[in-house]
Structure formats: C-alpha cells, structure tokens
Amino acid sequence: MEKIWLNEMTWIEVDEYLKTNDIVIVPIGSTEQHGPALPLGLDTYTAITLAEDAARQTGVLVTPPIWFGDSPHHLAFAGTVSIRTEVVAEYVKDVIRSLAKHGFKKILILNGHKITNLDALHSATRNLKEYELPHIFMAVIDPIKIGSAIANKIKESKEHHSGELEASHMLHKFPNLVHLDKLPSISPDLQEKYSKFMKSDLFSGGDSIDIVWSSEEQKNFTENTGSFSDATKATVKKGVEYHEGIVNNIVDFINWLKNKKVNGL
C-alpha cells in the first residue's frame, strides 16, 4: 500500500481499504513551548512520525494529525495554543464517530503530548465505548507508557519536558528544527518545590502525586526557559533507538489487533 495518510486518498480508495482492513491511527499532539531549542510542534511531530512509521510497517491508515492539545500550563510562553480539556475530548469524539460511521472498527489514538492529553482522550474513548460505540475497539497509545523500557535503557539524564529524549527524537526526525547551541542544561529541582511525590523524571517509577502549576509558576521555576530537564546529551543515535523502540511496540500491538475480532464483548 503506497498511501497511508487518509488526507492523501480519495474516498473511493478509503472505501477499498475498508473492504480488507478496519484499523486507523489518529495522531494527536500539541502546539506549545518546548524551551529555547525545540519547536512548538514537537509533540505533534512526535505523534506524526511514530504513526507514520508504524503504519508503513503494518499497512494501516493514519488520519491527519490534531495539532492542538491541552496545554494551559505553557500559556505564559509565546506561541502556545491551548484547547480546554473538555473541548479536546469532544473533538476527538467527533473524529472517532466519523471514522466508525464509515466502517473503521479499530481506532488507535496516538498521543505525542505525553501524559497531558490523557484526561481528554480517556474521557472521550471510555464514554464512547460505554454509551455509544460498544462495537468499536479503541485504544490510547502514549510514549510514556509504551516507551519506558527503551527510554530507561538509553537516557543519561532525567527526562521531563523538552529533555534529552525529546531533543534526540527531533535530531533524528527533524534536525533542521533543533537549535543545538540552545539545548538546555537546566534541571529544576521539582521535588524541592513540590515535595518528594513529584516526579522529576517522567519515565521513573515510584510513588507520586499529580500536582498542578500555572504557566507563570512554570516560567518562574524554569528560569524563563520553559525547559524542565538537561538536554545537552541528546544525540541522533539516541533518537533513532528511542523512535524505533516505540514504533516496534506499536507495530507488535497492531499486528496482534489485526487478528482480533471486534464484537463489543
């Protein structure tokens, strides 16, 4: 199959695809600050590249990406566009409803905006599954949950927002969008500020409490940079390993899903 992007196909081509396959990936990210070295669209680029490579390896389709996400905690930084949690949820519901109407029975939401979109995505999929579309298989894929093994194998620094792995991934896929001379070395002590239950490394285990902060508070504790973790050890090699590790897991899941019958039970 040469085409994987829904937006590049005619409706007739999609109709033909649905005669033999019922899986589709919906990439969603955000448009928000990622410090002085990385692009605002990083989370969406992440979702796009993971979805595209997984789709090419499995022969499934990918919808156009959703570029905006739930990002109020970054609004103190220019260029950030944030959509309210409930609006993201309703938007995603309509995307799923449209796809289900035409015969897609297995819909995978691939979240590049690690963790932060999950409230909206889980609300949307759980409610649709329970009350409206019980016959549709829905899953939410997030790099934090599917990429922890490869992340902890290769990273040398604590990984949080705009950190080593995000920078490495961009160096691998979009090197022209990375300002190497501005990669942050800052690593705010989040536990000192928000207690021992605040994770300073998103890929770490242990007990934690979800503590919220405003965008102005974030601007303050990141010393006006918006960066949460040291990214100076980012490399293309790490980006390749991180990307391929996550893609391989998604491919494994899709190959399993191809043989699963969906009957709503």
Foldseek 3Di string as FASTA:
>chain_A
DPDAEPVVDDVVVVLVVLVQAQEEEEEEEAQADQFDFFHSQLLRVLSVVLRVVLCVVQVHHYYDYHRHEADQLRVVDPGGDHDDLQVLLVVVLVVVVVSVVSRRQEYEYETSHAPPNVVSVVVNVVCCCPPPCLLHHYYYHGCLVQQLVLCVVDDDKADDGNAQQSLLLCCQPPVVRGDLVRQDADAFPVCVVPNPQDDSHSSDDDHHDDDDDGNVVCCVRRVNGNHHHGRNPHHNVSSVSSSVSSSVSSNVVVVVVRPDRGDSD
